[in-house]
Amino acid sequence: MRTLILLLGLLLNSIIIDAQSVSGSLVDEKGNPVSFANVVLLSSKDSSFVQGTISNEQGIFSID
């Protein structure tokens, strides 16, 4: 029983750790929002593509 609880705890912990997101807003040098820009998340190991999205009209983006 103790082993089952430990395994379940480790599984839930890995799910919680993996559930992170990156969000923000894109602005130009004048502070105007950058609409419909490509936002790309790259791996720090080899710069391979991980995930991407497009900012909205207000320059806001979110990668889950």
PDB file of N, CA and C in Angstrom:
ATOM      1  N   MET A   1       0.828  -1.199   0.000  1.00  0.00           N
ATOM      2  CA  MET A   1       0.000   0.000   0.000  1.00  0.00           C
ATOM      3  C   MET A   1       0.872   1.263   0.000  1.00  0.00           C
ATOM      4  N   ARG A   2       1.927   1.239   0.805  1.00  0.00           N
ATOM      5  CA  ARG A   2       2.817   2.390   0.894  1.00  0.00           C
ATOM      6  C   ARG A   2       3.482   2.665  -0.457  1.00  0.00           C
ATOM      7  N   THR A   3       3.856   1.588  -1.174  1.00  0.00           N
ATOM      8  CA  THR A   3       4.475   1.734  -2.496  1.00  0.00           C
ATOM      9  C   THR A   3       3.498   2.346  -3.484  1.00  0.00           C
ATOM     10  N   LEU A   4       2.243   1.936  -3.433  1.00  0.00           N
ATOM     11  CA  LEU A   4       1.222   2.475  -4.332  1.00  0.00           C
ATOM     12  C   LEU A   4       1.023   3.971  -4.096  1.00  0.00           C
ATOM     13  N   ILE A   5       0.986   4.382  -2.859  1.00  0.00           N
ATOM     14  CA  ILE A   5       0.825   5.804  -2.536  1.00  0.00           C
ATOM     15  C   ILE A   5       2.041   6.595  -3.011  1.00  0.00           C
ATOM     16  N   LEU A   6       3.236   6.044  -2.834  1.00  0.00           N
ATOM     17  CA  LEU A   6       4.453   6.708  -3.290  1.00  0.00           C
ATOM     18  C   LEU A   6       4.450   6.869  -4.813  1.00  0.00           C
ATOM     19  N   LEU A   7       4.096   5.815  -5.539  1.00  0.00           N
ATOM     20  CA  LEU A   7       4.044   5.890  -7.000  1.00  0.00           C
ATOM     21  C   LEU A   7       2.998   6.890  -7.474  1.00  0.00           C
ATOM     22  N   LEU A   8       1.850   6.901  -6.835  1.00  0.00           N
ATOM     23  CA  LEU A   8       0.802   7.856  -7.193  1.00  0.00           C
ATOM     24  C   LEU A   8       1.261   9.283  -6.927  1.00  0.00           C
ATOM     25  N   GLY A   9       1.941   9.505  -5.826  1.00  0.00           N
ATOM     26  CA  GLY A   9       2.466  10.839  -5.513  1.00  0.00           C
ATOM     27  C   GLY A   9       3.492  11.300  -6.528  1.00  0.00           C
ATOM     28  N   LEU A  10       4.386  10.413  -6.937  1.00  0.00           N
ATOM     29  CA  LEU A  10       5.381  10.766  -7.949  1.00  0.00           C
ATOM     30  C   LEU A  10       4.727  11.075  -9.287  1.00  0.00           C
ATOM     31  N   LEU A  11       3.712  10.312  -9.654  1.00  0.00           N
ATOM     32  CA  LEU A  11       3.002  10.553 -10.909  1.00  0.00           C
ATOM     33  C   LEU A  11       2.305  11.906 -10.888  1.00  0.00           C
ATOM     34  N   LEU A  12       1.613  12.217  -9.821  1.00  0.00           N
ATOM     35  CA  LEU A  12       0.922  13.505  -9.721  1.00  0.00           C
ATOM     36  C   LEU A  12       1.910  14.659  -9.688  1.00  0.00           C
ATOM     37  N   ASN A  13       3.038  14.473  -9.044  1.00  0.00           N
ATOM     38  CA  ASN A  13       4.059  15.511  -8.989  1.00  0.00           C
ATOM     39  C   ASN A  13       4.603  15.817 -10.380  1.00  0.00           C
ATOM     40  N   SER A  14       4.834  14.806 -11.196  1.00  0.00           N
ATOM     41  CA  SER A  14       5.350  15.034 -12.544  1.00  0.00           C
ATOM     42  C   SER A  14       4.321  15.730 -13.419  1.00  0.00           C
ATOM     43  N   ILE A  15       3.052  15.461 -13.216  1.00  0.00           N
ATOM     44  CA  ILE A  15       2.000  16.140 -13.982  1.00  0.00           C
ATOM     45  C   ILE A  15       1.949  17.616 -13.605  1.00  0.00           C
ATOM     46  N   ILE A  16       2.063  17.926 -12.333  1.00  0.00           N
ATOM     47  CA  ILE A  16       2.026  19.312 -11.875  1.00  0.00           C
ATOM     48  C   ILE A  16       3.248  20.078 -12.374  1.00  0.00           C
ATOM     49  N   ILE A  17       4.413  19.465 -12.339  1.00  0.00           N
ATOM     50  CA  ILE A  17       5.635  20.123 -12.804  1.00  0.00           C
ATOM     51  C   ILE A  17       5.557  20.421 -14.291  1.00  0.00           C
ATOM     52  N   ASP A  18       4.956  19.519 -15.065  1.00  0.00           N
ATOM     53  CA  ASP A  18       4.884  19.675 -16.514  1.00  0.00           C
ATOM     54  C   ASP A  18       3.848  20.722 -16.926  1.00  0.00           C
ATOM     55  N   ALA A  19       2.977  21.142 -16.034  1.00  0.00           N
ATOM     56  CA  ALA A  19       1.882  22.050 -16.377  1.00  0.00           C
ATOM     57  C   ALA A  19       2.281  23.505 -16.168  1.00  0.00           C
ATOM     58  N   GLN A  20       3.296  23.951 -16.882  1.00  0.00           N
ATOM     59  CA  GLN A  20       3.732  25.337 -16.794  1.00  0.00           C
ATOM     60  C   GLN A  20       3.398  26.049 -18.088  1.00  0.00           C
ATOM     61  N   SER A  21       3.329  27.366 -18.027  1.00  0.00           N
ATOM     62  CA  SER A  21       3.030  28.138 -19.233  1.00  0.00           C
ATOM     63  C   SER A  21       3.904  29.393 -19.276  1.00  0.00           C
ATOM     64  N   VAL A  22       4.024  29.929 -20.473  1.00  0.00           N
ATOM     65  CA  VAL A  22       4.753  31.173 -20.690  1.00  0.00           C
ATOM     66  C   VAL A  22       3.786  32.129 -21.355  1.00  0.00           C
ATOM     67  N   SER A  23       3.662  33.337 -20.815  1.00  0.00           N
ATOM     68  CA  SER A  23       2.767  34.323 -21.424  1.00  0.00           C
ATOM     69  C   SER A  23       3.389  35.705 -21.296  1.00  0.00           C
ATOM     70  N   GLY A  24       2.908  36.613 -22.116  1.00  0.00           N
ATOM     71  CA  GLY A  24       3.430  37.967 -22.065  1.00  0.00           C
ATOM     72  C   GLY A  24       2.809  38.826 -23.138  1.00  0.00           C
ATOM     73  N   SER A  25       3.368  39.995 -23.334  1.00  0.00           N
ATOM     74  CA  SER A  25       2.884  40.890 -24.381  1.00  0.00           C
ATOM     75  C   SER A  25       4.071  41.425 -25.165  1.00  0.00           C
ATOM     76  N   LEU A  26       3.869  41.610 -26.446  1.00  0.00           N
ATOM     77  CA  LEU A  26       4.909  42.105 -27.337  1.00  0.00           C
ATOM     78  C   LEU A  26       4.628  43.554 -27.683  1.00  0.00           C
ATOM     79  N   VAL A  27       5.625  44.399 -27.502  1.00  0.00           N
ATOM     80  CA  VAL A  27       5.501  45.815 -27.860  1.00  0.00           C
ATOM     81  C   VAL A  27       6.733  46.230 -28.657  1.00  0.00           C
ATOM     82  N   ASP A  28       6.566  47.241 -29.511  1.00  0.00           N
ATOM     83  CA  ASP A  28       7.710  47.771 -30.252  1.00  0.00           C
ATOM     84  C   ASP A  28       8.419  48.829 -29.411  1.00  0.00           C
ATOM     85  N   GLU A  29       9.416  49.477 -29.989  1.00  0.00           N
ATOM     86  CA  GLU A  29      10.212  50.457 -29.235  1.00  0.00           C
ATOM     87  C   GLU A  29       9.417  51.681 -28.800  1.00  0.00           C
ATOM     88  N   LYS A  30       8.250  51.907 -29.422  1.00  0.00           N
ATOM     89  CA  LYS A  30       7.392  53.034 -29.031  1.00  0.00           C
ATOM     90  C   LYS A  30       6.308  52.626 -28.038  1.00  0.00           C
ATOM     91  N   GLY A  31       6.285  51.340 -27.686  1.00  0.00           N
ATOM     92  CA  GLY A  31       5.288  50.850 -26.736  1.00  0.00           C
ATOM     93  C   GLY A  31       3.994  50.398 -27.374  1.00  0.00           C
ATOM     94  N   ASN A  32       3.934  50.374 -28.701  1.00  0.00           N
ATOM     95  CA  ASN A  32       2.736  49.915 -29.404  1.00  0.00           C
ATOM     96  C   ASN A  32       2.718  48.390 -29.457  1.00  0.00           C
ATOM     97  N   PRO A  33       1.527  47.770 -29.313  1.00  0.00           N
ATOM     98  CA  PRO A  33       1.458  46.308 -29.362  1.00  0.00           C
ATOM     99  C   PRO A  33       1.855  45.777 -30.739  1.00  0.00           C
ATOM    100  N   VAL A  34       2.537  44.636 -30.739  1.00  0.00           N
ATOM    101  CA  VAL A  34       2.915  43.960 -31.982  1.00  0.00           C
ATOM    102  C   VAL A  34       1.865  42.884 -32.243  1.00  0.00           C
ATOM    103  N   SER A  35       0.980  43.153 -33.192  1.00  0.00           N
ATOM    104  CA  SER A  35      -0.135  42.253 -33.485  1.00  0.00           C
ATOM    105  C   SER A  35       0.296  41.106 -34.383  1.00  0.00           C
ATOM    106  N   PHE A  36      -0.233  39.927 -34.109  1.00  0.00           N
ATOM    107  CA  PHE A  36      -0.104  38.733 -34.948  1.00  0.00           C
ATOM    108  C   PHE A  36       1.347  38.350 -35.238  1.00  0.00           C
ATOM    109  N   ALA A  37       2.209  38.476 -34.245  1.00  0.00           N
ATOM    110  CA  ALA A  37       3.620  38.082 -34.379  1.00  0.00           C
ATOM    111  C   ALA A  37       3.780  36.611 -33.992  1.00  0.00           C
ATOM    112  N   ASN A  38       4.701  35.931 -34.638  1.00  0.00           N
ATOM    113  CA  ASN A  38       5.024  34.550 -34.282  1.00  0.00           C
ATOM    114  C   ASN A  38       5.880  34.545 -33.024  1.00  0.00           C
ATOM    115  N   VAL A  39       5.492  33.714 -32.056  1.00  0.00           N
ATOM    116  CA  VAL A  39       6.248  33.536 -30.819  1.00  0.00           C
ATOM    117  C   VAL A  39       6.649  32.066 -30.763  1.00  0.00           C
ATOM    118  N   VAL A  40       7.954  31.807 -30.635  1.00  0.00           N
ATOM    119  CA  VAL A  40       8.460  30.440 -30.709  1.00  0.00           C
ATOM    120  C   VAL A  40       9.244  30.107 -29.447  1.00  0.00           C
ATOM    121  N   LEU A  41       8.984  28.926 -28.896  1.00  0.00           N
ATOM    122  CA  LEU A  41       9.734  28.402 -27.756  1.00  0.00           C
ATOM    123  C   LEU A  41      10.708  27.360 -28.294  1.00  0.00           C
ATOM    124  N   LEU A  42      12.015  27.582 -28.058  1.00  0.00           N
ATOM    125  CA  LEU A  42      13.054  26.680 -28.547  1.00  0.00           C
ATOM    126  C   LEU A  42      13.736  25.979 -27.379  1.00  0.00           C
ATOM    127  N   SER A  43      14.198  24.778 -27.615  1.00  0.00           N
ATOM    128  CA  SER A  43      14.921  24.003 -26.608  1.00  0.00           C
ATOM    129  C   SER A  43      16.273  24.655 -26.327  1.00  0.00           C
ATOM    130  N   SER A  44      16.653  24.728 -25.059  1.00  0.00           N
ATOM    131  CA  SER A  44      17.949  25.315 -24.709  1.00  0.00           C
ATOM    132  C   SER A  44      19.110  24.380 -25.059  1.00  0.00           C
ATOM    133  N   LYS A  45      18.831  23.091 -25.235  1.00  0.00           N
ATOM    134  CA  LYS A  45      19.888  22.126 -25.552  1.00  0.00           C
ATOM    135  C   LYS A  45      20.396  22.283 -26.975  1.00  0.00           C
ATOM    136  N   ASP A  46      19.450  22.315 -27.942  1.00  0.00           N
ATOM    137  CA  ASP A  46      19.864  22.301 -29.346  1.00  0.00           C
ATOM    138  C   ASP A  46      19.072  23.268 -30.223  1.00  0.00           C
ATOM    139  N   SER A  47      18.341  24.164 -29.624  1.00  0.00           N
ATOM    140  CA  SER A  47      17.531  25.160 -30.337  1.00  0.00           C
ATOM    141  C   SER A  47      16.466  24.539 -31.228  1.00  0.00           C
ATOM    142  N   SER A  48      16.027  23.328 -30.915  1.00  0.00           N
ATOM    143  CA  SER A  48      14.955  22.706 -31.685  1.00  0.00           C
ATOM    144  C   SER A  48      13.606  23.291 -31.259  1.00  0.00           C
ATOM    145  N   PHE A  49      12.653  23.266 -32.176  1.00  0.00           N
ATOM    146  CA  PHE A  49      11.316  23.805 -31.945  1.00  0.00           C
ATOM    147  C   PHE A  49      10.609  22.983 -30.877  1.00  0.00           C
ATOM    148  N   VAL A  50      10.021  23.654 -29.882  1.00  0.00           N
ATOM    149  CA  VAL A  50       9.245  22.994 -28.839  1.00  0.00           C
ATOM    150  C   VAL A  50       7.768  23.293 -29.036  1.00  0.00           C
ATOM    151  N   GLN A  51       7.414  24.574 -29.104  1.00  0.00           N
ATOM    152  CA  GLN A  51       6.024  24.981 -29.278  1.00  0.00           C
ATOM    153  C   GLN A  51       5.995  26.424 -29.742  1.00  0.00           C
ATOM    154  N   GLY A  52       4.889  26.814 -30.359  1.00  0.00           N
ATOM    155  CA  GLY A  52       4.768  28.183 -30.822  1.00  0.00           C
ATOM    156  C   GLY A  52       3.332  28.663 -30.812  1.00  0.00           C
ATOM    157  N   THR A  53       3.163  29.962 -30.981  1.00  0.00           N
ATOM    158  CA  THR A  53       1.838  30.572 -31.020  1.00  0.00           C
ATOM    159  C   THR A  53       1.946  31.903 -31.750  1.00  0.00           C
ATOM    160  N   ILE A  54       0.837  32.603 -31.856  1.00  0.00           N
ATOM    161  CA  ILE A  54       0.782  33.921 -32.494  1.00  0.00           C
ATOM    162  C   ILE A  54       0.156  34.896 -31.505  1.00  0.00           C
ATOM    163  N   SER A  55       0.719  36.086 -31.396  1.00  0.00           N
ATOM    164  CA  SER A  55       0.145  37.100 -30.503  1.00  0.00           C
ATOM    165  C   SER A  55      -1.176  37.605 -31.080  1.00  0.00           C
ATOM    166  N   ASN A  56      -2.057  38.091 -30.203  1.00  0.00           N
ATOM    167  CA  ASN A  56      -3.346  38.612 -30.669  1.00  0.00           C
ATOM    168  C   ASN A  56      -3.207  40.084 -31.077  1.00  0.00           C
ATOM    169  N   GLU A  57      -4.324  40.744 -31.317  1.00  0.00           N
ATOM    170  CA  GLU A  57      -4.302  42.148 -31.761  1.00  0.00           C
ATOM    171  C   GLU A  57      -3.633  43.074 -30.756  1.00  0.00           C
ATOM    172  N   GLN A  58      -3.725  42.740 -29.468  1.00  0.00           N
ATOM    173  CA  GLN A  58      -3.113  43.561 -28.419  1.00  0.00           C
ATOM    174  C   GLN A  58      -1.669  43.144 -28.129  1.00  0.00           C
ATOM    175  N   GLY A  59      -1.125  42.197 -28.896  1.00  0.00           N
ATOM    176  CA  GLY A  59       0.241  41.740 -28.694  1.00  0.00           C
ATOM    177  C   GLY A  59       0.406  40.718 -27.588  1.00  0.00           C
ATOM    178  N   ILE A  60      -0.689  40.205 -27.064  1.00  0.00           N
ATOM    179  CA  ILE A  60      -0.645  39.252 -25.952  1.00  0.00           C
ATOM    180  C   ILE A  60      -0.534  37.825 -26.493  1.00  0.00           C
ATOM    181  N   PHE A  61       0.324  37.010 -25.848  1.00  0.00           N
ATOM    182  CA  PHE A  61       0.484  35.614 -26.250  1.00  0.00           C
ATOM    183  C   PHE A  61       0.540  34.725 -25.022  1.00  0.00           C
ATOM    184  N   SER A  62       0.292  33.433 -25.227  1.00  0.00           N
ATOM    185  CA  SER A  62       0.396  32.445 -24.162  1.00  0.00           C
ATOM    186  C   SER A  62       0.774  31.107 -24.776  1.00  0.00           C
ATOM    187  N   ILE A  63       1.790  30.473 -24.217  1.00  0.00           N
ATOM    188  CA  ILE A  63       2.193  29.127 -24.621  1.00  0.00           C
ATOM    189  C   ILE A  63       1.981  28.232 -23.411  1.00  0.00           C
ATOM    190  N   ASP A  64       1.116  27.227 -23.557  1.00  0.00           N
ATOM    191  CA  ASP A  64       0.804  26.312 -22.447  1.00  0.00           C
ATOM    192  C   ASP A  64       1.575  25.022 -22.561  1.00  0.00           C
TER     193      ASP A  64
END
